[in-house]
Amino acid sequence: MPTHLPGAGGDRPLDEPGVSARVDSVNGGFLLSGLFHGLGGEPGRVEVGTGDGKATAKVLVLAGSPGWGVWYTSPPLPEKNVRMLLDAGSHERIVTVYDASGKIAARSDSTW
């Protein structure tokens, strides 16, 4: 497993809390996904700001590989609101990972 996560701002060590995000076009809609890493345990939940509110993502972690995993969501938005998603301000398009107690474990430092 790599020890650094490549990113727009350089490499970030995987043992430091962080989360990445990307958006992909899928069958007339879109899929938001990313990687979280450096957590002390499994996340309680992952929320994604969409410019039209927040979407709760599904999380996948592998047994025997604590502290990292992937998240994904395909929030239902009417076609007219997809543009709002892509044009939303940077403060609205943030991914937040919460730990089991509800505290913020990691937050994206840049938008997708």
C-alpha atoms as a PDB file:
ATOM      1  CA  MET A   1       0.000   0.000   0.000  1.00  0.00           C
ATOM      2  CA  PRO A   2       1.335   3.489  -0.812  1.00  0.00           C
ATOM      3  CA  THR A   3       2.490   5.726   2.027  1.00  0.00           C
ATOM      4  CA  HIS A   4       1.367   8.979   0.364  1.00  0.00           C
ATOM      5  CA  LEU A   5      -1.804  10.084  -1.381  1.00  0.00           C
ATOM      6  CA  PRO A   6      -1.082  12.194  -4.466  1.00  0.00           C
ATOM      7  CA  GLY A   7      -3.162  15.343  -4.632  1.00  0.00           C
ATOM      8  CA  ALA A   8      -3.390  18.763  -6.193  1.00  0.00           C
ATOM      9  CA  GLY A   9      -1.430  20.284  -3.316  1.00  0.00           C
ATOM     10  CA  GLY A  10       1.312  17.645  -3.247  1.00  0.00           C
ATOM     11  CA  ASP A  11       1.621  14.346  -1.465  1.00  0.00           C
ATOM     12  CA  ARG A  12      -0.176  13.826   1.816  1.00  0.00           C
ATOM     13  CA  PRO A  13       0.895  10.993   4.168  1.00  0.00           C
ATOM     14  CA  LEU A  14      -1.808   8.347   4.487  1.00  0.00           C
ATOM     15  CA  ASP A  15      -1.396   8.190   8.262  1.00  0.00           C
ATOM     16  CA  GLU A  16      -2.666  11.809   8.553  1.00  0.00           C
ATOM     17  CA  PRO A  17      -6.459  12.226   8.472  1.00  0.00           C
ATOM     18  CA  GLY A  18      -7.714  13.319   5.078  1.00  0.00           C
ATOM     19  CA  VAL A  19     -10.339  12.763   2.432  1.00  0.00           C
ATOM     20  CA  SER A  20     -10.344  13.095  -1.349  1.00  0.00           C
ATOM     21  CA  ALA A  21     -13.279  13.709  -3.679  1.00  0.00           C
ATOM     22  CA  ARG A  22     -14.149  13.413  -7.361  1.00  0.00           C
ATOM     23  CA  VAL A  23     -17.238  13.679  -9.539  1.00  0.00           C
ATOM     24  CA  ASP A  24     -17.963  11.440 -12.532  1.00  0.00           C
ATOM     25  CA  SER A  25     -20.778  11.501 -15.084  1.00  0.00           C
ATOM     26  CA  VAL A  26     -22.764   8.244 -15.006  1.00  0.00           C
ATOM     27  CA  ASN A  27     -25.809   7.387 -17.193  1.00  0.00           C
ATOM     28  CA  GLY A  28     -27.387  10.850 -17.204  1.00  0.00           C
ATOM     29  CA  GLY A  29     -26.487  11.487 -13.573  1.00  0.00           C
ATOM     30  CA  PHE A  30     -23.320  11.691 -11.546  1.00  0.00           C
ATOM     31  CA  LEU A  31     -21.345   9.759  -8.959  1.00  0.00           C
ATOM     32  CA  LEU A  32     -19.395  11.428  -6.175  1.00  0.00           C
ATOM     33  CA  SER A  33     -16.647   9.294  -4.637  1.00  0.00           C
ATOM     34  CA  GLY A  34     -13.336   9.425  -2.838  1.00  0.00           C
ATOM     35  CA  LEU A  35     -10.870   7.937  -0.400  1.00  0.00           C
ATOM     36  CA  PHE A  36     -10.539   8.644   3.325  1.00  0.00           C
ATOM     37  CA  HIS A  37      -7.400   7.804   5.287  1.00  0.00           C
ATOM     38  CA  GLY A  38      -5.552   8.267   8.552  1.00  0.00           C
ATOM     39  CA  LEU A  39      -8.525   7.661  10.837  1.00  0.00           C
ATOM     40  CA  GLY A  40      -8.142   6.061  14.247  1.00  0.00           C
ATOM     41  CA  GLY A  41     -10.993   3.667  13.478  1.00  0.00           C
ATOM     42  CA  GLU A  42     -13.944   3.224  11.157  1.00  0.00           C
ATOM     43  CA  PRO A  43     -15.930   6.338  10.259  1.00  0.00           C
ATOM     44  CA  GLY A  44     -19.401   6.906  11.644  1.00  0.00           C
ATOM     45  CA  ARG A  45     -20.567   8.576   8.437  1.00  0.00           C
ATOM     46  CA  VAL A  46     -19.440  10.655   5.461  1.00  0.00           C
ATOM     47  CA  GLU A  47     -21.372  13.738   4.324  1.00  0.00           C
ATOM     48  CA  VAL A  48     -20.925  15.510   0.995  1.00  0.00           C
ATOM     49  CA  GLY A  49     -22.004  19.101   0.366  1.00  0.00           C
ATOM     50  CA  THR A  50     -23.772  19.296  -2.999  1.00  0.00           C
ATOM     51  CA  GLY A  51     -24.704  22.973  -3.237  1.00  0.00           C
ATOM     52  CA  ASP A  52     -28.312  21.828  -2.751  1.00  0.00           C
ATOM     53  CA  GLY A  53     -27.803  20.502   0.752  1.00  0.00           C
ATOM     54  CA  LYS A  54     -25.876  17.501   2.024  1.00  0.00           C
ATOM     55  CA  ALA A  55     -25.831  13.889   0.910  1.00  0.00           C
ATOM     56  CA  THR A  56     -24.835  10.998   3.164  1.00  0.00           C
ATOM     57  CA  ALA A  57     -22.380   8.698   1.408  1.00  0.00           C
ATOM     58  CA  LYS A  58     -22.022   4.945   1.607  1.00  0.00           C
ATOM     59  CA  VAL A  59     -18.724   3.791   3.089  1.00  0.00           C
ATOM     60  CA  LEU A  60     -16.604   0.742   2.283  1.00  0.00           C
ATOM     61  CA  VAL A  61     -13.798  -0.412   4.590  1.00  0.00           C
ATOM     62  CA  LEU A  62     -11.806  -3.619   4.297  1.00  0.00           C
ATOM     63  CA  ALA A  63     -11.339  -6.003   7.215  1.00  0.00           C
ATOM     64  CA  GLY A  64      -7.752  -5.931   8.423  1.00  0.00           C
ATOM     65  CA  SER A  65      -7.064  -2.493   6.916  1.00  0.00           C
ATOM     66  CA  PRO A  66      -8.080   0.004   9.611  1.00  0.00           C
ATOM     67  CA  GLY A  67      -8.017   3.750   9.132  1.00  0.00           C
ATOM     68  CA  TRP A  68      -8.857   4.029   5.433  1.00  0.00           C
ATOM     69  CA  GLY A  69     -11.539   3.174   2.902  1.00  0.00           C
ATOM     70  CA  VAL A  70     -13.700   4.623   0.170  1.00  0.00           C
ATOM     71  CA  TRP A  71     -16.960   6.548   0.107  1.00  0.00           C
ATOM     72  CA  TYR A  72     -19.497   7.067  -2.690  1.00  0.00           C
ATOM     73  CA  THR A  73     -22.906   8.596  -3.334  1.00  0.00           C
ATOM     74  CA  SER A  74     -25.115   9.449  -6.250  1.00  0.00           C
ATOM     75  CA  PRO A  75     -27.440  12.064  -4.791  1.00  0.00           C
ATOM     76  CA  PRO A  76     -30.730  12.386  -6.635  1.00  0.00           C
ATOM     77  CA  LEU A  77     -30.917  15.821  -8.204  1.00  0.00           C
ATOM     78  CA  PRO A  78     -33.211  16.998 -10.952  1.00  0.00           C
ATOM     79  CA  GLU A  79     -31.284  17.694 -14.163  1.00  0.00           C
ATOM     80  CA  LYS A  80     -31.721  21.457 -13.704  1.00  0.00           C
ATOM     81  CA  ASN A  81     -29.930  21.220 -10.317  1.00  0.00           C
ATOM     82  CA  VAL A  82     -26.838  19.403 -11.617  1.00  0.00           C
ATOM     83  CA  ARG A  83     -25.504  22.751 -12.879  1.00  0.00           C
ATOM     84  CA  MET A  84     -26.054  24.172  -9.383  1.00  0.00           C
ATOM     85  CA  LEU A  85     -23.961  21.294  -8.003  1.00  0.00           C
ATOM     86  CA  LEU A  86     -21.073  22.064 -10.330  1.00  0.00           C
ATOM     87  CA  ASP A  87     -21.334  25.834  -9.839  1.00  0.00           C
ATOM     88  CA  ALA A  88     -21.708  25.703  -6.040  1.00  0.00           C
ATOM     89  CA  GLY A  89     -19.254  27.736  -4.024  1.00  0.00           C
ATOM     90  CA  SER A  90     -16.246  25.992  -2.547  1.00  0.00           C
ATOM     91  CA  HIS A  91     -17.672  26.304   0.976  1.00  0.00           C
ATOM     92  CA  GLU A  92     -20.663  24.191  -0.151  1.00  0.00           C
ATOM     93  CA  ARG A  93     -18.770  21.330  -1.833  1.00  0.00           C
ATOM     94  CA  ILE A  94     -16.919  19.909   1.141  1.00  0.00           C
ATOM     95  CA  VAL A  95     -16.607  16.250   2.153  1.00  0.00           C
ATOM     96  CA  THR A  96     -16.674  15.606   5.906  1.00  0.00           C
ATOM     97  CA  VAL A  97     -15.845  12.304   7.615  1.00  0.00           C
ATOM     98  CA  TYR A  98     -17.254  11.847  11.121  1.00  0.00           C
ATOM     99  CA  ASP A  99     -16.049   9.326  13.680  1.00  0.00           C
ATOM    100  CA  ALA A 100     -18.369   6.993  15.596  1.00  0.00           C
ATOM    101  CA  SER A 101     -18.961   9.641  18.302  1.00  0.00           C
ATOM    102  CA  GLY A 102     -20.068  12.235  15.717  1.00  0.00           C
ATOM    103  CA  LYS A 103     -16.907  14.368  15.817  1.00  0.00           C
ATOM    104  CA  ILE A 104     -15.200  15.492  12.610  1.00  0.00           C
ATOM    105  CA  ALA A 105     -12.371  13.069  11.799  1.00  0.00           C
ATOM    106  CA  ALA A 106     -11.382  14.543   8.415  1.00  0.00           C
ATOM    107  CA  ARG A 107     -12.593  17.260   6.065  1.00  0.00           C
ATOM    108  CA  SER A 108     -11.598  17.959   2.490  1.00  0.00           C
ATOM    109  CA  ASP A 109      -9.369  21.009   2.200  1.00  0.00           C
ATOM    110  CA  SER A 110     -10.339  21.618  -1.419  1.00  0.00           C
ATOM    111  CA  THR A 111     -13.426  21.026  -3.463  1.00  0.00           C
ATOM    112  CA  TRP A 112     -13.943  18.551  -6.264  1.00  0.00           C
END
